[in-house]
Amino acid sequence: MKLSFFSALLFIACVVSYAQEGIPRMVTVDPMSGKAGDVIAVTGENLQKDMVSRVFLTDGKNDTPVEVTEQTATTIKFKIPDKAPSGGRLALMILTSGKDAKYIEQPVKVMIEQ
């Protein structure tokens, strides 16, 4: 009886751990502000190409795609595009890869300077 209980707990823990592994998440931005052409580095987890296909700057209504210059599992570097609206803070948003691709707004922001 005890063994089956612990086996069930272990199984549930593994399922929960696996389910949370696959969600891309951005945690920090460096530098926190920049102007068109500047390169911004974002760190986090699950940011590799097979998880994140595109990155955008967004104000919640308008989404501006960015040019990714470098991408690993823990870092994405991108250039602030000329078309990015200046004078405000924009959130980062990703488009996940795969058959069930989703747009996910991230909890990090970049101040776009004029």
PDB file of N, CA and C in Angstrom:
ATOM      1  N   MET A   1       0.822  -1.184   0.000  1.00  0.00           N
ATOM      2  CA  MET A   1       0.000   0.000   0.000  1.00  0.00           C
ATOM      3  C   MET A   1       0.869   1.250   0.000  1.00  0.00           C
ATOM      4  N   LYS A   2       1.892   1.308   0.889  1.00  0.00           N
ATOM      5  CA  LYS A   2       2.765   2.469   0.940  1.00  0.00           C
ATOM      6  C   LYS A   2       3.531   2.636  -0.368  1.00  0.00           C
ATOM      7  N   LEU A   3       3.991   1.540  -0.930  1.00  0.00           N
ATOM      8  CA  LEU A   3       4.759   1.601  -2.159  1.00  0.00           C
ATOM      9  C   LEU A   3       3.924   2.166  -3.307  1.00  0.00           C
ATOM     10  N   SER A   4       2.674   1.764  -3.427  1.00  0.00           N
ATOM     11  CA  SER A   4       1.832   2.274  -4.509  1.00  0.00           C
ATOM     12  C   SER A   4       1.541   3.764  -4.319  1.00  0.00           C
ATOM     13  N   PHE A   5       1.419   4.211  -3.077  1.00  0.00           N
ATOM     14  CA  PHE A   5       1.177   5.630  -2.795  1.00  0.00           C
ATOM     15  C   PHE A   5       2.384   6.460  -3.237  1.00  0.00           C
ATOM     16  N   PHE A   6       3.582   6.013  -2.857  1.00  0.00           N
ATOM     17  CA  PHE A   6       4.796   6.740  -3.230  1.00  0.00           C
ATOM     18  C   PHE A   6       5.040   6.678  -4.735  1.00  0.00           C
ATOM     19  N   SER A   7       4.695   5.584  -5.358  1.00  0.00           N
ATOM     20  CA  SER A   7       4.823   5.476  -6.811  1.00  0.00           C
ATOM     21  C   SER A   7       3.912   6.479  -7.505  1.00  0.00           C
ATOM     22  N   ALA A   8       2.694   6.602  -7.002  1.00  0.00           N
ATOM     23  CA  ALA A   8       1.747   7.563  -7.569  1.00  0.00           C
ATOM     24  C   ALA A   8       2.255   8.988  -7.388  1.00  0.00           C
ATOM     25  N   LEU A   9       2.791   9.320  -6.224  1.00  0.00           N
ATOM     26  CA  LEU A   9       3.340  10.651  -5.977  1.00  0.00           C
ATOM     27  C   LEU A   9       4.514  10.949  -6.903  1.00  0.00           C
ATOM     28  N   LEU A  10       5.381   9.979  -7.086  1.00  0.00           N
ATOM     29  CA  LEU A  10       6.519  10.149  -7.970  1.00  0.00           C
ATOM     30  C   LEU A  10       6.060  10.373  -9.405  1.00  0.00           C
ATOM     31  N   PHE A  11       5.087   9.622  -9.849  1.00  0.00           N
ATOM     32  CA  PHE A  11       4.542   9.778 -11.194  1.00  0.00           C
ATOM     33  C   PHE A  11       3.966  11.180 -11.383  1.00  0.00           C
ATOM     34  N   ILE A  12       3.191  11.656 -10.434  1.00  0.00           N
ATOM     35  CA  ILE A  12       2.586  12.991 -10.520  1.00  0.00           C
ATOM     36  C   ILE A  12       3.675  14.063 -10.550  1.00  0.00           C
ATOM     37  N   ALA A  13       4.686  13.922  -9.717  1.00  0.00           N
ATOM     38  CA  ALA A  13       5.785  14.886  -9.687  1.00  0.00           C
ATOM     39  C   ALA A  13       6.511  14.936 -11.033  1.00  0.00           C
ATOM     40  N   CYS A  14       6.713  13.778 -11.640  1.00  0.00           N
ATOM     41  CA  CYS A  14       7.368  13.726 -12.949  1.00  0.00           C
ATOM     42  C   CYS A  14       6.521  14.401 -14.025  1.00  0.00           C
ATOM     43  N   VAL A  15       5.222  14.160 -14.009  1.00  0.00           N
ATOM     44  CA  VAL A  15       4.319  14.772 -14.989  1.00  0.00           C
ATOM     45  C   VAL A  15       4.321  16.287 -14.842  1.00  0.00           C
ATOM     46  N   VAL A  16       4.226  16.780 -13.618  1.00  0.00           N
ATOM     47  CA  VAL A  16       4.230  18.225 -13.375  1.00  0.00           C
ATOM     48  C   VAL A  16       5.560  18.828 -13.807  1.00  0.00           C
ATOM     49  N   SER A  17       6.648  18.192 -13.485  1.00  0.00           N
ATOM     50  CA  SER A  17       7.970  18.680 -13.869  1.00  0.00           C
ATOM     51  C   SER A  17       8.111  18.728 -15.386  1.00  0.00           C
ATOM     52  N   TYR A  18       7.675  17.697 -16.079  1.00  0.00           N
ATOM     53  CA  TYR A  18       7.760  17.654 -17.538  1.00  0.00           C
ATOM     54  C   TYR A  18       6.894  18.730 -18.163  1.00  0.00           C
ATOM     55  N   ALA A  19       5.707  18.943 -17.641  1.00  0.00           N
ATOM     56  CA  ALA A  19       4.781  19.928 -18.198  1.00  0.00           C
ATOM     57  C   ALA A  19       5.337  21.334 -18.081  1.00  0.00           C
ATOM     58  N   GLN A  20       6.092  21.627 -17.032  1.00  0.00           N
ATOM     59  CA  GLN A  20       6.608  22.967 -16.841  1.00  0.00           C
ATOM     60  C   GLN A  20       7.939  23.195 -17.553  1.00  0.00           C
ATOM     61  N   GLU A  21       8.584  22.152 -18.013  1.00  0.00           N
ATOM     62  CA  GLU A  21       9.859  22.289 -18.703  1.00  0.00           C
ATOM     63  C   GLU A  21       9.733  23.005 -20.026  1.00  0.00           C
ATOM     64  N   GLY A  22       8.661  22.803 -20.737  1.00  0.00           N
ATOM     65  CA  GLY A  22       8.558  23.260 -22.106  1.00  0.00           C
ATOM     66  C   GLY A  22       8.055  24.660 -22.337  1.00  0.00           C
ATOM     67  N   ILE A  23       7.850  25.457 -21.318  1.00  0.00           N
ATOM     68  CA  ILE A  23       7.308  26.792 -21.520  1.00  0.00           C
ATOM     69  C   ILE A  23       8.450  27.802 -21.569  1.00  0.00           C
ATOM     70  N   PRO A  24       8.607  28.499 -22.713  1.00  0.00           N
ATOM     71  CA  PRO A  24       9.638  29.526 -22.775  1.00  0.00           C
ATOM     72  C   PRO A  24       9.308  30.664 -21.808  1.00  0.00           C
ATOM     73  N   ARG A  25      10.358  31.175 -21.151  1.00  0.00           N
ATOM     74  CA  ARG A  25      10.139  32.238 -20.174  1.00  0.00           C
ATOM     75  C   ARG A  25      11.330  33.177 -20.189  1.00  0.00           C
ATOM     76  N   MET A  26      11.058  34.468 -20.394  1.00  0.00           N
ATOM     77  CA  MET A  26      12.086  35.503 -20.339  1.00  0.00           C
ATOM     78  C   MET A  26      12.083  36.096 -18.937  1.00  0.00           C
ATOM     79  N   VAL A  27      13.288  36.313 -18.383  1.00  0.00           N
ATOM     80  CA  VAL A  27      13.399  36.772 -16.999  1.00  0.00           C
ATOM     81  C   VAL A  27      14.059  38.142 -16.892  1.00  0.00           C
ATOM     82  N   THR A  28      15.153  38.370 -17.621  1.00  0.00           N
ATOM     83  CA  THR A  28      15.869  39.642 -17.527  1.00  0.00           C
ATOM     84  C   THR A  28      16.158  40.222 -18.902  1.00  0.00           C
ATOM     85  N   VAL A  29      16.334  41.546 -18.943  1.00  0.00           N
ATOM     86  CA  VAL A  29      16.668  42.268 -20.167  1.00  0.00           C
ATOM     87  C   VAL A  29      17.888  43.144 -19.866  1.00  0.00           C
ATOM     88  N   ASP A  30      18.875  43.142 -20.804  1.00  0.00           N
ATOM     89  CA  ASP A  30      20.058  43.970 -20.605  1.00  0.00           C
ATOM     90  C   ASP A  30      20.539  44.501 -21.945  1.00  0.00           C
ATOM     91  N   PRO A  31      20.635  45.795 -22.126  1.00  0.00           N
ATOM     92  CA  PRO A  31      20.196  46.854 -21.227  1.00  0.00           C
ATOM     93  C   PRO A  31      18.669  46.964 -21.227  1.00  0.00           C
ATOM     94  N   MET A  32      18.152  47.682 -20.264  1.00  0.00           N
ATOM     95  CA  MET A  32      16.696  47.806 -20.115  1.00  0.00           C
ATOM     96  C   MET A  32      16.106  48.869 -21.029  1.00  0.00           C
ATOM     97  N   SER A  33      16.967  49.607 -21.750  1.00  0.00           N
ATOM     98  CA  SER A  33      16.484  50.604 -22.702  1.00  0.00           C
ATOM     99  C   SER A  33      17.450  50.688 -23.867  1.00  0.00           C
ATOM    100  N   GLY A  34      16.955  51.220 -24.980  1.00  0.00           N
ATOM    101  CA  GLY A  34      17.787  51.364 -26.158  1.00  0.00           C
ATOM    102  C   GLY A  34      17.029  52.072 -27.257  1.00  0.00           C
ATOM    103  N   LYS A  35      17.747  52.354 -28.342  1.00  0.00           N
ATOM    104  CA  LYS A  35      17.117  52.999 -29.497  1.00  0.00           C
ATOM    105  C   LYS A  35      17.268  52.091 -30.715  1.00  0.00           C
ATOM    106  N   ALA A  36      16.655  52.489 -31.811  1.00  0.00           N
ATOM    107  CA  ALA A  36      16.677  51.677 -33.027  1.00  0.00           C
ATOM    108  C   ALA A  36      18.104  51.275 -33.383  1.00  0.00           C
ATOM    109  N   GLY A  37      18.305  50.001 -33.657  1.00  0.00           N
ATOM    110  CA  GLY A  37      19.602  49.461 -34.030  1.00  0.00           C
ATOM    111  C   GLY A  37      20.394  48.871 -32.873  1.00  0.00           C
ATOM    112  N   ASP A  38      20.037  49.233 -31.638  1.00  0.00           N
ATOM    113  CA  ASP A  38      20.732  48.680 -30.470  1.00  0.00           C
ATOM    114  C   ASP A  38      20.399  47.200 -30.302  1.00  0.00           C
ATOM    115  N   VAL A  39      21.356  46.447 -29.759  1.00  0.00           N
ATOM    116  CA  VAL A  39      21.142  45.024 -29.497  1.00  0.00           C
ATOM    117  C   VAL A  39      20.788  44.854 -28.022  1.00  0.00           C
ATOM    118  N   ILE A  40      19.723  44.133 -27.775  1.00  0.00           N
ATOM    119  CA  ILE A  40      19.220  43.847 -26.432  1.00  0.00           C
ATOM    120  C   ILE A  40      19.389  42.350 -26.180  1.00  0.00           C
ATOM    121  N   ALA A  41      19.846  41.989 -24.983  1.00  0.00           N
ATOM    122  CA  ALA A  41      19.996  40.582 -24.593  1.00  0.00           C
ATOM    123  C   ALA A  41      18.940  40.229 -23.554  1.00  0.00           C
ATOM    124  N   VAL A  42      18.232  39.159 -23.799  1.00  0.00           N
ATOM    125  CA  VAL A  42      17.207  38.663 -22.889  1.00  0.00           C
ATOM    126  C   VAL A  42      17.657  37.304 -22.385  1.00  0.00           C
ATOM    127  N   THR A  43      17.552  37.079 -21.081  1.00  0.00           N
ATOM    128  CA  THR A  43      17.882  35.768 -20.550  1.00  0.00           C
ATOM    129  C   THR A  43      16.633  35.127 -19.959  1.00  0.00           C
ATOM    130  N   GLY A  44      16.643  33.818 -19.915  1.00  0.00           N
ATOM    131  CA  GLY A  44      15.504  33.071 -19.396  1.00  0.00           C
ATOM    132  C   GLY A  44      15.737  31.581 -19.566  1.00  0.00           C
ATOM    133  N   GLU A  45      14.658  30.874 -19.872  1.00  0.00           N
ATOM    134  CA  GLU A  45      14.765  29.423 -20.054  1.00  0.00           C
ATOM    135  C   GLU A  45      13.880  28.978 -21.202  1.00  0.00           C
ATOM    136  N   ASN A  46      14.289  27.898 -21.839  1.00  0.00           N
ATOM    137  CA  ASN A  46      13.572  27.314 -22.979  1.00  0.00           C
ATOM    138  C   ASN A  46      13.402  28.317 -24.116  1.00  0.00           C
ATOM    139  N   LEU A  47      14.461  29.064 -24.425  1.00  0.00           N
ATOM    140  CA  LEU A  47      14.403  30.100 -25.457  1.00  0.00           C
ATOM    141  C   LEU A  47      15.004  29.651 -26.787  1.00  0.00           C
ATOM    142  N   GLN A  48      15.408  28.404 -26.906  1.00  0.00           N
ATOM    143  CA  GLN A  48      16.039  27.897 -28.125  1.00  0.00           C
ATOM    144  C   GLN A  48      15.067  27.933 -29.310  1.00  0.00           C
ATOM    145  N   LYS A  49      15.643  27.807 -30.523  1.00  0.00           N
ATOM    146  CA  LYS A  49      14.870  27.938 -31.759  1.00  0.00           C
ATOM    147  C   LYS A  49      13.724  26.938 -31.870  1.00  0.00           C
ATOM    148  N   ASP A  50      13.885  25.737 -31.332  1.00  0.00           N
ATOM    149  CA  ASP A  50      12.802  24.765 -31.449  1.00  0.00           C
ATOM    150  C   ASP A  50      11.654  25.061 -30.468  1.00  0.00           C
ATOM    151  N   MET A  51      11.845  26.069 -29.612  1.00  0.00           N
ATOM    152  CA  MET A  51      10.782  26.486 -28.679  1.00  0.00           C
ATOM    153  C   MET A  51      10.223  27.871 -29.032  1.00  0.00           C
ATOM    154  N   VAL A  52      11.077  28.767 -29.510  1.00  0.00           N
ATOM    155  CA  VAL A  52      10.688  30.143 -29.828  1.00  0.00           C
ATOM    156  C   VAL A  52      11.002  30.415 -31.286  1.00  0.00           C
ATOM    157  N   SER A  53       9.975  30.667 -32.088  1.00  0.00           N
ATOM    158  CA  SER A  53      10.220  30.892 -33.514  1.00  0.00           C
ATOM    159  C   SER A  53      10.345  32.373 -33.862  1.00  0.00           C
ATOM    160  N   ARG A  54       9.659  33.256 -33.121  1.00  0.00           N
ATOM    161  CA  ARG A  54       9.725  34.694 -33.402  1.00  0.00           C
ATOM    162  C   ARG A  54       9.621  35.476 -32.109  1.00  0.00           C
ATOM    163  N   VAL A  55      10.142  36.714 -32.157  1.00  0.00           N
ATOM    164  CA  VAL A  55      10.089  37.619 -31.006  1.00  0.00           C
ATOM    165  C   VAL A  55       9.534  38.954 -31.485  1.00  0.00           C
ATOM    166  N   PHE A  56       8.713  39.569 -30.650  1.00  0.00           N
ATOM    167  CA  PHE A  56       8.071  40.839 -30.979  1.00  0.00           C
ATOM    168  C   PHE A  56       8.199  41.815 -29.815  1.00  0.00           C
ATOM    169  N   LEU A  57       8.154  43.108 -30.136  1.00  0.00           N
ATOM    170  CA  LEU A  57       7.928  44.150 -29.144  1.00  0.00           C
ATOM    171  C   LEU A  57       6.450  44.488 -29.254  1.00  0.00           C
ATOM    172  N   THR A  58       5.764  44.649 -28.142  1.00  0.00           N
ATOM    173  CA  THR A  58       4.326  44.913 -28.192  1.00  0.00           C
ATOM    174  C   THR A  58       3.905  45.932 -27.144  1.00  0.00           C
ATOM    175  N   ASP A  59       2.918  46.748 -27.523  1.00  0.00           N
ATOM    176  CA  ASP A  59       2.310  47.668 -26.562  1.00  0.00           C
ATOM    177  C   ASP A  59       0.928  47.160 -26.141  1.00  0.00           C
ATOM    178  N   GLY A  60       0.621  45.939 -26.534  1.00  0.00           N
ATOM    179  CA  GLY A  60      -0.676  45.346 -26.217  1.00  0.00           C
ATOM    180  C   GLY A  60      -1.654  45.431 -27.381  1.00  0.00           C
ATOM    181  N   LYS A  61      -1.392  46.367 -28.319  1.00  0.00           N
ATOM    182  CA  LYS A  61      -2.245  46.526 -29.503  1.00  0.00           C
ATOM    183  C   LYS A  61      -1.459  46.296 -30.787  1.00  0.00           C
ATOM    184  N   ASN A  62      -0.253  46.834 -30.816  1.00  0.00           N
ATOM    185  CA  ASN A  62       0.597  46.741 -32.001  1.00  0.00           C
ATOM    186  C   ASN A  62       1.820  45.891 -31.693  1.00  0.00           C
ATOM    187  N   ASP A  63       2.092  44.940 -32.569  1.00  0.00           N
ATOM    188  CA  ASP A  63       3.227  44.027 -32.401  1.00  0.00           C
ATOM    189  C   ASP A  63       4.256  44.312 -33.495  1.00  0.00           C
ATOM    190  N   THR A  64       5.499  44.540 -33.084  1.00  0.00           N
ATOM    191  CA  THR A  64       6.577  44.827 -34.021  1.00  0.00           C
ATOM    192  C   THR A  64       7.584  43.694 -33.968  1.00  0.00           C
ATOM    193  N   PRO A  65       7.766  42.961 -35.079  1.00  0.00           N
ATOM    194  CA  PRO A  65       8.752  41.868 -35.071  1.00  0.00           C
ATOM    195  C   PRO A  65      10.162  42.429 -34.950  1.00  0.00           C
ATOM    196  N   VAL A  66      11.038  41.683 -34.282  1.00  0.00           N
ATOM    197  CA  VAL A  66      12.437  42.084 -34.132  1.00  0.00           C
ATOM    198  C   VAL A  66      13.323  41.089 -34.865  1.00  0.00           C
ATOM    199  N   GLU A  67      14.539  41.532 -35.184  1.00  0.00           N
ATOM    200  CA  GLU A  67      15.531  40.655 -35.821  1.00  0.00           C
ATOM    201  C   GLU A  67      16.353  39.994 -34.727  1.00  0.00           C
ATOM    202  N   VAL A  68      16.235  38.692 -34.606  1.00  0.00           N
ATOM    203  CA  VAL A  68      17.019  37.934 -33.630  1.00  0.00           C
ATOM    204  C   VAL A  68      18.408  37.722 -34.220  1.00  0.00           C
ATOM    205  N   THR A  69      19.441  38.125 -33.448  1.00  0.00           N
ATOM    206  CA  THR A  69      20.822  37.993 -33.922  1.00  0.00           C
ATOM    207  C   THR A  69      21.534  36.794 -33.308  1.00  0.00           C
ATOM    208  N   GLU A  70      21.034  36.323 -32.164  1.00  0.00           N
ATOM    209  CA  GLU A  70      21.632  35.163 -31.489  1.00  0.00           C
ATOM    210  C   GLU A  70      20.556  34.510 -30.632  1.00  0.00           C
ATOM    211  N   GLN A  71      20.559  33.180 -30.589  1.00  0.00           N
ATOM    212  CA  GLN A  71      19.524  32.468 -29.821  1.00  0.00           C
ATOM    213  C   GLN A  71      20.067  31.159 -29.282  1.00  0.00           C
ATOM    214  N   THR A  72      19.954  30.998 -27.957  1.00  0.00           N
ATOM    215  CA  THR A  72      20.332  29.749 -27.294  1.00  0.00           C
ATOM    216  C   THR A  72      19.191  29.363 -26.353  1.00  0.00           C
ATOM    217  N   ALA A  73      19.364  28.318 -25.599  1.00  0.00           N
ATOM    218  CA  ALA A  73      18.335  27.875 -24.655  1.00  0.00           C
ATOM    219  C   ALA A  73      18.099  28.888 -23.543  1.00  0.00           C
ATOM    220  N   THR A  74      19.102  29.716 -23.240  1.00  0.00           N
ATOM    221  CA  THR A  74      18.979  30.658 -22.123  1.00  0.00           C
ATOM    222  C   THR A  74      19.076  32.126 -22.517  1.00  0.00           C
ATOM    223  N   THR A  75      19.377  32.417 -23.787  1.00  0.00           N
ATOM    224  CA  THR A  75      19.565  33.806 -24.215  1.00  0.00           C
ATOM    225  C   THR A  75      19.008  34.051 -25.611  1.00  0.00           C
ATOM    226  N   ILE A  76      18.387  35.206 -25.773  1.00  0.00           N
ATOM    227  CA  ILE A  76      18.025  35.705 -27.099  1.00  0.00           C
ATOM    228  C   ILE A  76      18.562  37.121 -27.183  1.00  0.00           C
ATOM    229  N   LYS A  77      19.302  37.414 -28.274  1.00  0.00           N
ATOM    230  CA  LYS A  77      19.752  38.770 -28.554  1.00  0.00           C
ATOM    231  C   LYS A  77      19.028  39.241 -29.804  1.00  0.00           C
ATOM    232  N   PHE A  78      18.541  40.494 -29.755  1.00  0.00           N
ATOM    233  CA  PHE A  78      17.817  41.027 -30.895  1.00  0.00           C
ATOM    234  C   PHE A  78      18.116  42.511 -31.065  1.00  0.00           C
ATOM    235  N   LYS A  79      17.877  43.002 -32.297  1.00  0.00           N
ATOM    236  CA  LYS A  79      18.042  44.417 -32.597  1.00  0.00           C
ATOM    237  C   LYS A  79      16.694  45.107 -32.464  1.00  0.00           C
ATOM    238  N   ILE A  80      16.719  46.310 -31.880  1.00  0.00           N
ATOM    239  CA  ILE A  80      15.499  47.114 -31.838  1.00  0.00           C
ATOM    240  C   ILE A  80      15.271  47.628 -33.263  1.00  0.00           C
ATOM    241  N   PRO A  81      14.098  47.342 -33.840  1.00  0.00           N
ATOM    242  CA  PRO A  81      13.849  47.746 -35.226  1.00  0.00           C
ATOM    243  C   PRO A  81      13.580  49.248 -35.350  1.00  0.00           C
ATOM    244  N   ASP A  82      13.835  49.776 -36.564  1.00  0.00           N
ATOM    245  CA  ASP A  82      13.563  51.187 -36.848  1.00  0.00           C
ATOM    246  C   ASP A  82      12.088  51.523 -36.642  1.00  0.00           C
ATOM    247  N   LYS A  83      11.216  50.546 -36.886  1.00  0.00           N
ATOM    248  CA  LYS A  83       9.760  50.766 -36.795  1.00  0.00           C
ATOM    249  C   LYS A  83       9.224  50.741 -35.365  1.00  0.00           C
ATOM    250  N   ALA A  84      10.066  50.439 -34.384  1.00  0.00           N
ATOM    251  CA  ALA A  84       9.585  50.348 -32.995  1.00  0.00           C
ATOM    252  C   ALA A  84       9.146  51.726 -32.510  1.00  0.00           C
ATOM    253  N   PRO A  85       7.950  51.812 -31.929  1.00  0.00           N
ATOM    254  CA  PRO A  85       7.486  53.107 -31.414  1.00  0.00           C
ATOM    255  C   PRO A  85       8.384  53.577 -30.267  1.00  0.00           C
ATOM    256  N   SER A  86       8.878  54.815 -30.360  1.00  0.00           N
ATOM    257  CA  SER A  86       9.802  55.303 -29.342  1.00  0.00           C
ATOM    258  C   SER A  86       9.076  56.082 -28.257  1.00  0.00           C
ATOM    259  N   GLY A  87       9.773  56.249 -27.145  1.00  0.00           N
ATOM    260  CA  GLY A  87       9.242  57.041 -26.047  1.00  0.00           C
ATOM    261  C   GLY A  87       8.378  56.263 -25.071  1.00  0.00           C
ATOM    262  N   GLY A  88       8.424  54.944 -25.098  1.00  0.00           N
ATOM    263  CA  GLY A  88       7.608  54.167 -24.173  1.00  0.00           C
ATOM    264  C   GLY A  88       8.207  52.810 -23.880  1.00  0.00           C
ATOM    265  N   ARG A  89       7.613  52.154 -22.898  1.00  0.00           N
ATOM    266  CA  ARG A  89       8.044  50.797 -22.538  1.00  0.00           C
ATOM    267  C   ARG A  89       7.210  49.789 -23.313  1.00  0.00           C
ATOM    268  N   LEU A  90       7.894  48.871 -23.945  1.00  0.00           N
ATOM    269  CA  LEU A  90       7.211  47.823 -24.711  1.00  0.00           C
ATOM    270  C   LEU A  90       7.539  46.469 -24.096  1.00  0.00           C
ATOM    271  N   ALA A  91       6.541  45.623 -24.050  1.00  0.00           N
ATOM    272  CA  ALA A  91       6.728  44.260 -23.559  1.00  0.00           C
ATOM    273  C   ALA A  91       7.304  43.400 -24.673  1.00  0.00           C
ATOM    274  N   LEU A  92       7.938  42.315 -24.296  1.00  0.00           N
ATOM    275  CA  LEU A  92       8.397  41.330 -25.260  1.00  0.00           C
ATOM    276  C   LEU A  92       7.352  40.231 -25.363  1.00  0.00           C
ATOM    277  N   MET A  93       7.147  39.756 -26.577  1.00  0.00           N
ATOM    278  CA  MET A  93       6.190  38.681 -26.820  1.00  0.00           C
ATOM    279  C   MET A  93       6.865  37.682 -27.744  1.00  0.00           C
ATOM    280  N   ILE A  94       6.596  36.407 -27.517  1.00  0.00           N
ATOM    281  CA  ILE A  94       7.175  35.359 -28.357  1.00  0.00           C
ATOM    282  C   ILE A  94       6.075  34.601 -29.082  1.00  0.00           C
ATOM    283  N   LEU A  95       6.457  34.004 -30.182  1.00  0.00           N
ATOM    284  CA  LEU A  95       5.611  33.031 -30.872  1.00  0.00           C
ATOM    285  C   LEU A  95       6.321  31.705 -30.699  1.00  0.00           C
ATOM    286  N   THR A  96       5.658  30.757 -30.045  1.00  0.00           N
ATOM    287  CA  THR A  96       6.278  29.458 -29.828  1.00  0.00           C
ATOM    288  C   THR A  96       6.344  28.682 -31.142  1.00  0.00           C
ATOM    289  N   SER A  97       7.193  27.696 -31.187  1.00  0.00           N
ATOM    290  CA  SER A  97       7.358  26.852 -32.369  1.00  0.00           C
ATOM    291  C   SER A  97       6.419  25.658 -32.297  1.00  0.00           C
ATOM    292  N   GLY A  98       6.258  25.000 -33.419  1.00  0.00           N
ATOM    293  CA  GLY A  98       5.520  23.745 -33.434  1.00  0.00           C
ATOM    294  C   GLY A  98       4.107  23.861 -33.943  1.00  0.00           C
ATOM    295  N   LYS A  99       3.436  22.724 -33.912  1.00  0.00           N
ATOM    296  CA  LYS A  99       2.083  22.600 -34.447  1.00  0.00           C
ATOM    297  C   LYS A  99       1.076  23.444 -33.671  1.00  0.00           C
ATOM    298  N   ASP A 100       1.272  23.553 -32.374  1.00  0.00           N
ATOM    299  CA  ASP A 100       0.364  24.295 -31.503  1.00  0.00           C
ATOM    300  C   ASP A 100       0.952  25.655 -31.123  1.00  0.00           C
ATOM    301  N   ALA A 101       1.486  26.393 -32.090  1.00  0.00           N
ATOM    302  CA  ALA A 101       2.169  27.662 -31.816  1.00  0.00           C
ATOM    303  C   ALA A 101       1.233  28.653 -31.124  1.00  0.00           C
ATOM    304  N   LYS A 102       1.813  29.372 -30.146  1.00  0.00           N
ATOM    305  CA  LYS A 102       1.037  30.346 -29.366  1.00  0.00           C
ATOM    306  C   LYS A 102       1.845  31.614 -29.191  1.00  0.00           C
ATOM    307  N   TYR A 103       1.148  32.743 -29.124  1.00  0.00           N
ATOM    308  CA  TYR A 103       1.767  34.012 -28.766  1.00  0.00           C
ATOM    309  C   TYR A 103       1.722  34.112 -27.247  1.00  0.00           C
ATOM    310  N   ILE A 104       2.869  34.403 -26.631  1.00  0.00           N
ATOM    311  CA  ILE A 104       2.927  34.529 -25.170  1.00  0.00           C
ATOM    312  C   ILE A 104       3.648  35.833 -24.827  1.00  0.00           C
ATOM    313  N   GLU A 105       2.919  36.760 -24.201  1.00  0.00           N
ATOM    314  CA  GLU A 105       3.546  37.997 -23.742  1.00  0.00           C
ATOM    315  C   GLU A 105       4.385  37.679 -22.511  1.00  0.00           C
ATOM    316  N   GLN A 106       5.590  38.204 -22.493  1.00  0.00           N
ATOM    317  CA  GLN A 106       6.542  37.921 -21.421  1.00  0.00           C
ATOM    318  C   GLN A 106       6.500  39.017 -20.353  1.00  0.00           C
ATOM    319  N   PRO A 107       6.948  38.716 -19.141  1.00  0.00           N
ATOM    320  CA  PRO A 107       6.890  39.691 -18.051  1.00  0.00           C
ATOM    321  C   PRO A 107       8.072  40.663 -18.027  1.00  0.00           C
ATOM    322  N   VAL A 108       8.732  40.863 -19.168  1.00  0.00           N
ATOM    323  CA  VAL A 108       9.859  41.795 -19.243  1.00  0.00           C
ATOM    324  C   VAL A 108       9.553  42.887 -20.258  1.00  0.00           C
ATOM    325  N   LYS A 109      10.096  44.082 -20.002  1.00  0.00           N
ATOM    326  CA  LYS A 109       9.845  45.233 -20.874  1.00  0.00           C
ATOM    327  C   LYS A 109      11.132  45.932 -21.223  1.00  0.00           C
ATOM    328  N   VAL A 110      11.092  46.645 -22.357  1.00  0.00           N
ATOM    329  CA  VAL A 110      12.225  47.432 -22.830  1.00  0.00           C
ATOM    330  C   VAL A 110      11.737  48.852 -23.084  1.00  0.00           C
ATOM    331  N   MET A 111      12.500  49.839 -22.586  1.00  0.00           N
ATOM    332  CA  MET A 111      12.201  51.243 -22.853  1.00  0.00           C
ATOM    333  C   MET A 111      12.829  51.611 -24.192  1.00  0.00           C
ATOM    334  N   ILE A 112      12.021  52.101 -25.122  1.00  0.00           N
ATOM    335  CA  ILE A 112      12.517  52.492 -26.440  1.00  0.00           C
ATOM    336  C   ILE A 112      12.780  53.998 -26.424  1.00  0.00           C
ATOM    337  N   GLU A 113      14.044  54.355 -26.611  1.00  0.00           N
ATOM    338  CA  GLU A 113      14.464  55.758 -26.604  1.00  0.00           C
ATOM    339  C   GLU A 113      14.318  56.357 -28.003  1.00  0.00           C
ATOM    340  N   GLN A 114      14.221  57.671 -28.044  1.00  0.00           N
ATOM    341  CA  GLN A 114      14.112  58.383 -29.345  1.00  0.00           C
ATOM    342  C   GLN A 114      15.456  58.607 -29.962  1.00  0.00           C
TER     343      GLN A 114
END
